[in-house]
Amino acid sequence: MSKDFLRTAISAARQAGAVHKKYFNTKFKIRKKSTSFDLVTVADIEAEKKIVSVIKNNFKGHNFLCEENKYAPRESEYTWIIDPLDGTNNFASGLPIFSASVALAKKDQLIAGAVYDVTRDELFYAQKGKGAYLNGRKISVKKISNLQEALLITGFYYDRGREMFENLEKIKQFFLKRIIGLRRLGSAALDLCYVASGRAGGYWEFELSPWDFAAGALIVSEAGGKVTARHGEKFPLGKSPIVASNGLLHKKMLKIINS
């Protein structure tokens, strides 16, 4: 059954990617959610429908926690956590950095996850206790222990107030530690996968929704890295700050983030 969970996550993420490819760089409708910079497109809606349909065909009684729509709760210990298009603002702007993220939790434990970037045809996936993979090749975090060797990634949620200014200060502090560089890519799911695959040493963001980080967090953990909330505690499967690293950099990152 556990293999079926992962196969379903992979299939759903790939089919969402097909929706992304269908609409990317075409003329499509864009509307705003709660703020002028929180966008939703027809690709978000259609990709979520596709993912939910794939999962329901395999597991009819499971729960869904999705970005775009709410689903009636079911009496099941399993919940699928779905971001149909992570990086909508990039997608809407024609910037090819976005992904589909599909994760499965059993109660409060993540057990399977897949993140698919259709523009690069890169499929990241993991199953609890079975390692993390990119297109069938096992991946692992980069084994560095000094911030001076690290390329880091951060993100800004939809806050344009206190959290944004606080994070700008943290960015300055990281640069004073002479990190190699810092990136802000715009897809939290991919940010986490890039830590998992050794492309970055760490990533942090002060507020994320569970669909942004669930699959990526499992992939980092299974690649030998570490993912926590802001102060090093276990992250909830709800809105949370997220800090991810190769493990060796984690305490150093937390010290700066919480200073």
Protein backbone atom coordinates (compact mmCIF):
# COMPACT_ATOMS: atom_id res chain seq x y z
CA MET A 1 0.00 0.00 0.00
CA SER A 2 2.82 2.47 0.81
CA LYS A 3 4.20 2.09 -2.71
CA ASP A 4 0.72 2.84 -4.04
CA PHE A 5 0.71 6.06 -2.00
CA LEU A 6 3.95 7.23 -3.60
CA ARG A 7 2.91 6.14 -7.10
CA THR A 8 -0.31 8.10 -6.70
CA ALA A 9 1.54 11.22 -5.50
CA ILE A 10 3.92 10.99 -8.46
CA SER A 11 1.12 10.44 -10.97
CA ALA A 12 -0.91 13.33 -9.56
CA ALA A 13 2.08 15.71 -9.59
CA ARG A 14 2.96 14.76 -13.17
CA GLN A 15 -0.60 15.28 -14.37
CA ALA A 16 -0.68 18.68 -12.68
CA GLY A 17 2.53 19.47 -14.53
CA ALA A 18 0.78 18.67 -17.80
CA VAL A 19 -1.81 21.31 -16.90
CA HIS A 20 0.98 23.81 -16.17
CA LYS A 21 2.54 23.10 -19.56
CA LYS A 22 -0.81 23.53 -21.30
CA TYR A 23 -1.29 27.06 -19.97
CA PHE A 24 2.22 28.41 -19.43
CA ASN A 25 3.07 31.39 -21.64
CA THR A 26 -0.45 31.54 -23.05
CA LYS A 27 -3.20 34.03 -22.39
CA PHE A 28 -5.18 32.92 -19.35
CA LYS A 29 -7.36 34.49 -16.69
CA ILE A 30 -5.73 35.76 -13.51
CA ARG A 31 -7.58 36.91 -10.43
CA LYS A 32 -6.49 38.20 -7.06
CA LYS A 33 -7.17 36.54 -3.73
CA SER A 34 -6.80 38.41 -0.45
CA THR A 35 -4.14 40.84 -1.68
CA SER A 36 -3.02 42.38 -4.94
CA PHE A 37 0.02 40.09 -5.04
CA ASP A 38 -1.69 36.81 -4.10
CA LEU A 39 -2.78 35.51 -7.50
CA VAL A 40 -4.70 32.51 -8.77
CA THR A 41 -4.93 31.35 -12.38
CA VAL A 42 -6.99 28.87 -14.35
CA ALA A 43 -3.97 26.55 -14.15
CA ASP A 44 -4.14 26.52 -10.33
CA ILE A 45 -7.80 25.52 -10.39
CA GLU A 46 -7.54 22.96 -13.17
CA ALA A 47 -4.38 21.37 -11.75
CA GLU A 48 -5.99 20.96 -8.33
CA LYS A 49 -9.02 19.28 -9.87
CA LYS A 50 -6.72 16.91 -11.75
CA ILE A 51 -4.71 16.02 -8.62
CA VAL A 52 -7.80 15.41 -6.50
CA SER A 53 -9.34 13.30 -9.25
CA VAL A 54 -6.23 11.10 -9.51
CA ILE A 55 -6.15 10.55 -5.76
CA LYS A 56 -9.88 9.87 -5.44
CA ASN A 57 -9.60 7.22 -8.14
CA ASN A 58 -7.15 5.37 -5.90
CA PHE A 59 -8.20 6.34 -2.36
CA LYS A 60 -11.81 7.39 -2.13
CA GLY A 61 -12.04 7.87 1.62
CA HIS A 62 -9.03 10.08 2.25
CA ASN A 63 -9.01 13.71 3.37
CA PHE A 64 -7.75 16.68 1.36
CA LEU A 65 -5.98 19.85 2.48
CA CYS A 66 -5.59 21.99 -0.63
CA GLU A 67 -4.70 25.56 -1.44
CA GLU A 68 -7.56 26.47 -3.75
CA ASN A 69 -10.63 24.62 -2.45
CA LYS A 70 -11.96 23.17 0.79
CA TYR A 71 -13.12 19.57 0.94
CA ALA A 72 -15.49 17.99 3.43
CA PRO A 73 -13.63 16.05 6.16
CA ARG A 74 -13.73 12.28 6.02
CA GLU A 75 -13.23 9.69 8.75
CA SER A 76 -9.71 8.76 7.70
CA GLU A 77 -6.27 9.03 9.27
CA TYR A 78 -4.85 9.96 5.85
CA THR A 79 -4.71 13.52 4.48
CA TRP A 80 -3.39 14.61 1.10
CA ILE A 81 -1.75 18.04 1.26
CA ILE A 82 -1.74 19.70 -2.15
CA ASP A 83 -0.39 22.81 -3.81
CA PRO A 84 -1.49 22.49 -7.43
CA LEU A 85 0.76 25.32 -8.60
CA ASP A 86 3.45 26.47 -6.20
CA GLY A 87 4.89 29.65 -7.64
CA THR A 88 1.73 31.11 -9.15
CA ASN A 89 3.17 34.63 -9.35
CA ASN A 90 6.14 33.31 -11.32
CA PHE A 91 3.80 31.32 -13.57
CA ALA A 92 1.56 34.32 -14.18
CA SER A 93 4.61 36.44 -15.05
CA GLY A 94 6.07 33.91 -17.48
CA LEU A 95 8.97 33.03 -15.17
CA PRO A 96 9.64 29.26 -15.40
CA ILE A 97 10.12 28.53 -11.70
CA PHE A 98 7.04 26.74 -10.36
CA SER A 99 5.92 23.25 -9.43
CA ALA A 100 3.16 20.93 -8.32
CA SER A 101 3.44 19.62 -4.76
CA VAL A 102 1.57 16.54 -3.50
CA ALA A 103 2.12 15.05 -0.03
CA LEU A 104 0.39 12.46 2.10
CA ALA A 105 0.23 12.54 5.90
CA LYS A 106 -0.88 9.71 8.17
CA LYS A 107 -2.25 11.55 11.17
CA ASP A 108 0.49 14.15 11.74
CA GLN A 109 3.34 12.27 10.04
CA LEU A 110 4.36 12.86 6.43
CA ILE A 111 4.79 9.54 4.65
CA ALA A 112 4.96 10.29 0.91
CA GLY A 113 5.54 13.30 -1.29
CA ALA A 114 6.28 14.41 -4.83
CA VAL A 115 7.23 17.76 -6.35
CA TYR A 116 7.25 18.14 -10.12
CA ASP A 117 8.81 20.93 -12.17
CA VAL A 118 7.49 20.46 -15.71
CA THR A 119 9.73 23.15 -17.23
CA ARG A 120 12.84 21.12 -16.38
CA ASP A 121 11.10 17.74 -16.27
CA GLU A 122 12.42 17.26 -12.73
CA LEU A 123 10.49 14.99 -10.41
CA PHE A 124 11.56 14.99 -6.77
CA TYR A 125 9.94 12.40 -4.52
CA ALA A 126 10.30 10.56 -1.24
CA GLN A 127 8.68 7.92 0.91
CA LYS A 128 9.12 7.80 4.67
CA GLY A 129 12.19 5.73 5.50
CA LYS A 130 13.04 5.03 1.84
CA GLY A 131 15.22 7.97 0.83
CA ALA A 132 14.70 10.86 -1.58
CA TYR A 133 15.02 10.80 -5.36
CA LEU A 134 15.24 13.05 -8.40
CA ASN A 135 14.13 11.39 -11.64
CA GLY A 136 14.96 7.97 -10.20
CA ARG A 137 18.40 8.94 -8.88
CA LYS A 138 18.92 9.00 -5.12
CA ILE A 139 19.76 12.46 -3.80
CA SER A 140 21.34 13.77 -0.62
CA VAL A 141 22.06 17.12 0.98
CA LYS A 142 25.38 18.89 0.51
CA LYS A 143 27.89 18.03 3.23
CA ILE A 144 29.14 21.46 4.25
CA SER A 145 29.40 22.78 7.79
CA ASN A 146 30.42 26.42 7.32
CA LEU A 147 28.08 29.20 6.27
CA GLN A 148 30.93 30.61 4.17
CA GLU A 149 30.49 27.60 1.87
CA ALA A 150 26.72 27.92 1.63
CA LEU A 151 24.35 29.17 -0.99
CA LEU A 152 21.08 29.85 0.84
CA ILE A 153 17.50 30.42 -0.25
CA THR A 154 14.81 32.49 1.43
CA GLY A 155 11.26 33.51 0.67
CA PHE A 156 8.73 36.19 1.51
CA TYR A 157 5.13 35.20 2.06
CA TYR A 158 2.37 37.70 1.32
CA ASP A 159 3.25 39.89 4.28
CA ARG A 160 4.54 43.34 3.35
CA GLY A 161 4.94 44.54 6.93
CA ARG A 162 6.87 43.39 10.00
CA GLU A 163 7.85 39.96 8.70
CA MET A 164 9.24 41.38 5.47
CA PHE A 165 11.39 43.96 7.25
CA GLU A 166 12.56 41.39 9.78
CA ASN A 167 13.62 39.03 7.01
CA LEU A 168 15.48 41.79 5.19
CA GLU A 169 17.50 42.28 8.38
CA LYS A 170 18.21 38.53 8.58
CA ILE A 171 19.40 38.56 4.98
CA LYS A 172 21.89 41.29 5.89
CA GLN A 173 23.12 39.24 8.84
CA PHE A 174 23.66 36.17 6.65
CA PHE A 175 25.64 38.22 4.15
CA LEU A 176 27.80 39.54 7.00
CA LYS A 177 28.67 35.88 7.67
CA ARG A 178 30.06 35.85 4.10
CA ILE A 179 27.75 33.21 2.65
CA ILE A 180 28.36 32.42 -1.02
CA GLY A 181 25.05 33.96 -2.00
CA LEU A 182 21.32 34.11 -1.44
CA ARG A 183 18.42 33.34 -3.76
CA ARG A 184 14.70 34.10 -3.68
CA LEU A 185 13.13 31.80 -6.26
CA GLY A 186 9.41 31.97 -5.52
CA SER A 187 8.45 28.29 -5.14
CA ALA A 188 8.88 26.97 -1.60
CA ALA A 189 8.43 23.38 -2.74
CA LEU A 190 11.35 23.71 -5.17
CA ASP A 191 13.41 25.64 -2.62
CA LEU A 192 13.16 22.66 -0.29
CA CYS A 193 13.95 20.19 -3.06
CA TYR A 194 17.04 22.20 -3.95
CA VAL A 195 18.26 21.83 -0.37
CA ALA A 196 17.51 18.10 -0.56
CA SER A 197 19.51 17.71 -3.77
CA GLY A 198 22.52 19.70 -2.57
CA ARG A 199 21.90 22.73 -4.78
CA ALA A 200 21.58 24.90 -1.68
CA GLY A 201 22.78 24.51 1.88
CA GLY A 202 19.65 25.85 3.53
CA TYR A 203 16.35 27.66 3.20
CA TRP A 204 14.11 29.65 5.51
CA GLU A 205 10.80 31.48 5.35
CA PHE A 206 8.88 33.08 8.19
CA GLU A 207 5.39 31.96 7.17
CA LEU A 208 4.24 29.13 4.95
CA SER A 209 1.07 27.10 4.53
CA PRO A 210 1.30 23.32 4.80
CA TRP A 211 0.70 22.78 1.07
CA ASP A 212 3.78 24.93 0.39
CA PHE A 213 6.17 22.79 2.41
CA ALA A 214 4.72 19.34 3.15
CA ALA A 215 6.16 17.36 0.24
CA GLY A 216 9.42 19.31 0.22
CA ALA A 217 9.94 18.87 3.95
CA LEU A 218 9.70 15.09 3.65
CA ILE A 219 12.07 15.11 0.67
CA VAL A 220 14.67 17.13 2.64
CA SER A 221 14.40 14.81 5.64
CA GLU A 222 14.74 11.70 3.50
CA ALA A 223 17.77 13.24 1.76
CA GLY A 224 19.55 13.49 5.13
CA GLY A 225 18.66 17.09 5.93
CA LYS A 226 16.71 18.73 8.72
CA VAL A 227 13.47 20.72 8.71
CA THR A 228 12.06 22.52 11.75
CA ALA A 229 9.96 25.47 12.72
CA ARG A 230 11.70 28.74 13.58
CA HIS A 231 13.16 27.81 16.95
CA GLY A 232 14.18 24.28 16.06
CA GLU A 233 10.92 22.67 17.16
CA LYS A 234 8.81 20.28 15.11
CA PHE A 235 6.76 22.09 12.52
CA PRO A 236 2.97 21.65 12.55
CA LEU A 237 0.99 20.69 9.47
CA GLY A 238 -0.52 24.15 9.54
CA LYS A 239 0.83 27.65 8.93
CA SER A 240 4.38 27.78 10.21
CA PRO A 241 7.79 29.31 9.75
CA ILE A 242 10.14 26.80 8.15
CA VAL A 243 13.90 26.37 8.41
CA ALA A 244 15.51 23.65 6.30
CA SER A 245 19.16 22.75 5.98
CA ASN A 246 21.64 19.98 5.37
CA GLY A 247 21.59 19.45 9.14
CA LEU A 248 25.17 20.60 9.66
CA LEU A 249 24.21 24.25 9.13
CA HIS A 250 20.98 24.13 11.08
CA LYS A 251 22.07 25.52 14.46
CA LYS A 252 24.05 28.28 12.76
CA MET A 253 21.06 29.27 10.67
CA LEU A 254 18.72 29.21 13.66
CA LYS A 255 21.11 31.41 15.65
CA ILE A 256 21.02 34.13 13.01
CA ILE A 257 17.30 33.80 12.30
CA ASN A 258 16.44 34.14 16.00
CA SER A 259 19.04 36.74 16.99
